[in-house]
C-alpha atoms as a PDB file:
ATOM      1  CA  UNK A   1      53.591-201.909  67.253  1.00  0.00           C
ATOM      2  CA  UNK A   2      53.588-204.188  70.743  1.00  0.00           C
ATOM      3  CA  UNK A   3      53.669-200.747  72.826  1.00  0.00           C
ATOM      4  CA  UNK A   4      50.195-200.068  71.067  1.00  0.00           C
ATOM      5  CA  UNK A   5      48.887-204.044  72.443  1.00  0.00           C
ATOM      6  CA  UNK A   6      50.602-202.922  75.739  1.00  0.00           C
ATOM      7  CA  UNK A   7      48.788-199.526  75.470  1.00  0.00           C
ATOM      8  CA  UNK A   8      45.006-201.261  74.815  1.00  0.00           C
ATOM      9  CA  UNK A   9      45.898-204.113  76.659  1.00  0.00           C
ATOM     10  CA  UNK A  10      46.744-202.273  79.797  1.00  0.00           C
ATOM     11  CA  UNK A  11      43.685-199.682  79.563  1.00  0.00           C
ATOM     12  CA  UNK A  12      41.712-202.851  79.821  1.00  0.00           C
ATOM     13  CA  UNK A  13      43.448-203.517  83.398  1.00  0.00           C
ATOM     14  CA  UNK A  14      43.118-199.923  84.560  1.00  0.00           C
ATOM     15  CA  UNK A  15      38.944-200.174  83.627  1.00  0.00           C
ATOM     16  CA  UNK A  16      38.979-203.518  85.439  1.00  0.00           C
ATOM     17  CA  UNK A  17      40.501-202.033  87.986  1.00  0.00           C
ATOM     18  CA  UNK A  18      38.980-199.093  88.297  1.00  0.00           C
ATOM     19  CA  UNK A  19      35.712-201.285  88.218  1.00  0.00           C
ATOM     20  CA  UNK A  20      36.834-203.168  91.874  1.00  0.00           C
ATOM     21  CA  UNK A  21      38.014-200.133  93.305  1.00  0.00           C
ATOM     22  CA  UNK A  22      34.226-198.253  92.478  1.00  0.00           C
ATOM     23  CA  UNK A  23      32.121-201.516  94.321  1.00  0.00           C
ATOM     24  CA  UNK A  24      30.768-199.901  97.733  1.00  0.00           C
ATOM     25  CA  UNK A  25      32.284-202.493 100.701  1.00  0.00           C
ATOM     26  CA  UNK A  26      28.689-203.599 100.840  1.00  0.00           C
ATOM     27  CA  UNK A  27      27.806-204.856  97.604  1.00  0.00           C
ATOM     28  CA  UNK A  28      31.515-206.847  97.455  1.00  0.00           C
ATOM     29  CA  UNK A  29      30.491-210.201  98.915  1.00  0.00           C
ATOM     30  CA  UNK A  30      26.317-209.545  98.898  1.00  0.00           C
ATOM     31  CA  UNK A  31      25.879-211.672  95.447  1.00  0.00           C
ATOM     32  CA  UNK A  32      29.154-213.680  94.157  1.00  0.00           C
ATOM     33  CA  UNK A  33      28.257-211.222  91.185  1.00  0.00           C
ATOM     34  CA  UNK A  34      30.719-208.511  91.171  1.00  0.00           C
ATOM     35  CA  UNK A  35      33.680-210.398  93.741  1.00  0.00           C
ATOM     36  CA  UNK A  36      33.730-213.670  91.535  1.00  0.00           C
ATOM     37  CA  UNK A  37      33.659-211.524  87.927  1.00  0.00           C
ATOM     38  CA  UNK A  38      36.445-209.334  88.769  1.00  0.00           C
ATOM     39  CA  UNK A  39      38.526-212.437  89.637  1.00  0.00           C
ATOM     40  CA  UNK A  40      37.379-215.020  87.014  1.00  0.00           C
ATOM     41  CA  UNK A  41      38.997-212.209  84.990  1.00  0.00           C
ATOM     42  CA  UNK A  42      42.109-212.315  86.794  1.00  0.00           C
ATOM     43  CA  UNK A  43      42.191-215.895  86.878  1.00  0.00           C
ATOM     44  CA  UNK A  44      41.840-216.235  82.790  1.00  0.00           C
ATOM     45  CA  UNK A  45      43.896-212.907  82.582  1.00  0.00           C
ATOM     46  CA  UNK A  46      47.003-214.545  84.515  1.00  0.00           C
ATOM     47  CA  UNK A  47      46.004-217.556  82.543  1.00  0.00           C
ATOM     48  CA  UNK A  48      46.255-216.415  79.770  1.00  0.00           C
ATOM     49  CA  UNK A  49      49.966-214.902  79.822  1.00  0.00           C
ATOM     50  CA  UNK A  50      51.002-218.071  81.450  1.00  0.00           C
ATOM     51  CA  UNK A  51      54.786-218.754  79.957  1.00  0.00           C
ATOM     52  CA  UNK A  52      52.845-222.180  78.721  1.00  0.00           C
ATOM     53  CA  UNK A  53      54.735-224.321  81.250  1.00  0.00           C
ATOM     54  CA  UNK A  54      51.444-227.143  81.601  1.00  0.00           C
ATOM     55  CA  UNK A  55      50.599-227.665  84.192  1.00  0.00           C
ATOM     56  CA  UNK A  56      49.997-224.073  84.675  1.00  0.00           C
ATOM     57  CA  UNK A  57      50.502-222.181  88.436  1.00  0.00           C
ATOM     58  CA  UNK A  58      48.873-219.828  89.575  1.00  0.00           C
ATOM     59  CA  UNK A  59      50.828-218.026  91.658  1.00  0.00           C
ATOM     60  CA  UNK A  60      47.962-216.068  92.823  1.00  0.00           C
ATOM     61  CA  UNK A  61      44.734-218.265  92.769  1.00  0.00           C
ATOM     62  CA  UNK A  62      43.617-222.091  93.038  1.00  0.00           C
ATOM     63  CA  UNK A  63      42.377-223.607  89.778  1.00  0.00           C
ATOM     64  CA  UNK A  64      38.580-223.841  90.485  1.00  0.00           C
ATOM     65  CA  UNK A  65      37.911-222.507  87.113  1.00  0.00           C
ATOM     66  CA  UNK A  66      39.119-225.576  85.830  1.00  0.00           C
ATOM     67  CA  UNK A  67      36.228-227.052  87.382  1.00  0.00           C
ATOM     68  CA  UNK A  68      33.682-228.205  84.662  1.00  0.00           C
ATOM     69  CA  UNK A  69      30.406-228.016  87.297  1.00  0.00           C
ATOM     70  CA  UNK A  70      31.812-224.293  88.315  1.00  0.00           C
ATOM     71  CA  UNK A  71      32.961-224.550  91.310  1.00  0.00           C
ATOM     72  CA  UNK A  72      33.729-221.199  92.795  1.00  0.00           C
ATOM     73  CA  UNK A  73      36.566-220.379  95.161  1.00  0.00           C
ATOM     74  CA  UNK A  74      35.412-221.162  98.682  1.00  0.00           C
ATOM     75  CA  UNK A  75      36.337-218.135 100.011  1.00  0.00           C
ATOM     76  CA  UNK A  76      35.630-214.104  98.997  1.00  0.00           C
ATOM     77  CA  UNK A  77      38.652-212.538  97.924  1.00  0.00           C
ATOM     78  CA  UNK A  78      38.782-208.524  98.861  1.00  0.00           C
ATOM     79  CA  UNK A  79      39.191-205.812  96.767  1.00  0.00           C
ATOM     80  CA  UNK A  80      42.411-205.534  98.495  1.00  0.00           C
ATOM     81  CA  UNK A  81      43.736-208.877  96.569  1.00  0.00           C
ATOM     82  CA  UNK A  82      42.229-208.161  93.540  1.00  0.00           C
ATOM     83  CA  UNK A  83      44.004-205.099  92.893  1.00  0.00           C
ATOM     84  CA  UNK A  84      47.095-206.229  94.330  1.00  0.00           C
ATOM     85  CA  UNK A  85      46.955-209.778  91.516  1.00  0.00           C
ATOM     86  CA  UNK A  86      45.798-206.714  89.453  1.00  0.00           C
ATOM     87  CA  UNK A  87      48.994-205.055  89.910  1.00  0.00           C
ATOM     88  CA  UNK A  88      51.284-208.095  89.809  1.00  0.00           C
ATOM     89  CA  UNK A  89      49.569-209.362  86.676  1.00  0.00           C
ATOM     90  CA  UNK A  90      49.672-206.538  84.853  1.00  0.00           C
ATOM     91  CA  UNK A  91      53.287-205.771  85.488  1.00  0.00           C
ATOM     92  CA  UNK A  92      53.971-209.104  83.471  1.00  0.00           C
ATOM     93  CA  UNK A  93      51.932-208.959  80.970  1.00  0.00           C
ATOM     94  CA  UNK A  94      53.730-205.501  80.915  1.00  0.00           C
ATOM     95  CA  UNK A  95      57.303-206.749  80.577  1.00  0.00           C
ATOM     96  CA  UNK A  96      55.695-209.472  78.021  1.00  0.00           C
ATOM     97  CA  UNK A  97      54.138-207.410  75.467  1.00  0.00           C
ATOM     98  CA  UNK A  98      56.454-204.953  74.954  1.00  0.00           C
ATOM     99  CA  UNK A  99      58.998-207.191  75.134  1.00  0.00           C
ATOM    100  CA  UNK A 100      58.079-209.274  72.411  1.00  0.00           C
ATOM    101  CA  UNK A 101      59.799-210.050  69.502  1.00  0.00           C
ATOM    102  CA  UNK A 102      58.722-211.607  65.503  1.00  0.00           C
ATOM    103  CA  UNK A 103      59.598-215.137  67.469  1.00  0.00           C
ATOM    104  CA  UNK A 104      57.703-214.827  70.517  1.00  0.00           C
ATOM    105  CA  UNK A 105      54.798-213.339  68.891  1.00  0.00           C
ATOM    106  CA  UNK A 106      54.195-216.447  66.388  1.00  0.00           C
ATOM    107  CA  UNK A 107      54.451-218.783  69.968  1.00  0.00           C
ATOM    108  CA  UNK A 108      51.797-221.034  69.655  1.00  0.00           C
ATOM    109  CA  UNK A 109      49.579-220.481  73.226  1.00  0.00           C
ATOM    110  CA  UNK A 110      49.886-224.505  74.413  1.00  0.00           C
ATOM    111  CA  UNK A 111      46.376-224.092  76.967  1.00  0.00           C
ATOM    112  CA  UNK A 112      42.971-224.319  77.177  1.00  0.00           C
ATOM    113  CA  UNK A 113      42.253-222.575  74.213  1.00  0.00           C
ATOM    114  CA  UNK A 114      44.452-224.072  71.518  1.00  0.00           C
ATOM    115  CA  UNK A 115      45.190-223.134  67.788  1.00  0.00           C
ATOM    116  CA  UNK A 116      46.239-219.222  68.749  1.00  0.00           C
ATOM    117  CA  UNK A 117      49.401-217.224  68.664  1.00  0.00           C
ATOM    118  CA  UNK A 118      50.901-214.862  71.676  1.00  0.00           C
ATOM    119  CA  UNK A 119      49.683-212.163  69.723  1.00  0.00           C
ATOM    120  CA  UNK A 120      45.709-213.851  69.242  1.00  0.00           C
ATOM    121  CA  UNK A 121      45.540-214.836  72.948  1.00  0.00           C
ATOM    122  CA  UNK A 122      46.764-211.610  73.822  1.00  0.00           C
ATOM    123  CA  UNK A 123      43.903-210.025  71.788  1.00  0.00           C
ATOM    124  CA  UNK A 124      41.412-212.488  73.021  1.00  0.00           C
ATOM    125  CA  UNK A 125      42.287-211.920  76.527  1.00  0.00           C
ATOM    126  CA  UNK A 126      42.132-208.744  76.309  1.00  0.00           C
ATOM    127  CA  UNK A 127      38.496-208.932  74.908  1.00  0.00           C
ATOM    128  CA  UNK A 128      37.796-210.788  77.963  1.00  0.00           C
ATOM    129  CA  UNK A 129      39.145-208.449  80.403  1.00  0.00           C
ATOM    130  CA  UNK A 130      37.062-206.166  78.962  1.00  0.00           C
ATOM    131  CA  UNK A 131      33.607-207.971  78.685  1.00  0.00           C
ATOM    132  CA  UNK A 132      33.958-208.638  82.523  1.00  0.00           C
ATOM    133  CA  UNK A 133      35.093-204.769  83.495  1.00  0.00           C
ATOM    134  CA  UNK A 134      31.830-203.959  80.667  1.00  0.00           C
ATOM    135  CA  UNK A 135      29.655-206.464  82.884  1.00  0.00           C
ATOM    136  CA  UNK A 136      31.219-205.112  86.380  1.00  0.00           C
ATOM    137  CA  UNK A 137      30.118-201.341  84.862  1.00  0.00           C
ATOM    138  CA  UNK A 138      26.636-201.969  84.526  1.00  0.00           C
ATOM    139  CA  UNK A 139      26.037-203.983  87.462  1.00  0.00           C
ATOM    140  CA  UNK A 140      27.763-200.928  89.815  1.00  0.00           C
ATOM    141  CA  UNK A 141      25.089-198.404  87.376  1.00  0.00           C
ATOM    142  CA  UNK A 142      22.420-200.737  88.362  1.00  0.00           C
ATOM    143  CA  UNK A 143      22.995-201.022  92.152  1.00  0.00           C
ATOM    144  CA  UNK A 144      24.932-197.347  93.090  1.00  0.00           C
ATOM    145  CA  UNK A 145      23.866-195.233  89.977  1.00  0.00           C
ATOM    146  CA  UNK A 146      27.544-194.759  89.096  1.00  0.00           C
ATOM    147  CA  UNK A 147      30.517-196.310  87.383  1.00  0.00           C
ATOM    148  CA  UNK A 148      33.382-195.710  86.114  1.00  0.00           C
ATOM    149  CA  UNK A 149      34.675-193.867  83.110  1.00  0.00           C
ATOM    150  CA  UNK A 150      36.030-195.057  80.054  1.00  0.00           C
ATOM    151  CA  UNK A 151      40.344-195.585  79.949  1.00  0.00           C
ATOM    152  CA  UNK A 152      41.773-194.561  76.453  1.00  0.00           C
ATOM    153  CA  UNK A 153      44.859-195.891  77.184  1.00  0.00           C
ATOM    154  CA  UNK A 154      47.097-197.463  79.744  1.00  0.00           C
ATOM    155  CA  UNK A 155      48.296-195.349  82.767  1.00  0.00           C
ATOM    156  CA  UNK A 156      51.945-194.062  83.068  1.00  0.00           C
ATOM    157  CA  UNK A 157      53.611-194.229  86.335  1.00  0.00           C
ATOM    158  CA  UNK A 158      54.656-191.247  87.691  1.00  0.00           C
END
């Protein structure tokens, strides 16, 4: 069952990557929308996959997303930085999801979204990724009249 969850979770990350890659460089930091949507999504993806050791320590990002005032990072992250972060997060997600056992699947998530098991926070996380990938796709459609297509399952590496 956990391979099925991974197939879809990985596909959501692939759709996010496709949106990042599709964005022309001249639109990347034109406004904070596209780069920030990708940054925000990856920050929370990493957080929801964390090992529940509080406080959360991002290996890639700062902690501005926790600021209740909505403070954004002090710089624009490049497409390459976010793609590299995405790939690192994706490897971590694949290991965690495909190696789940029943006990770990029911382990409570102790972070910001309390009351979730690992399984539920993983599905919540996948929905969050897909939501923001779709936002990026609609912005790309509006800006360049093009957007990446649907990914039905995680890409299998050659």
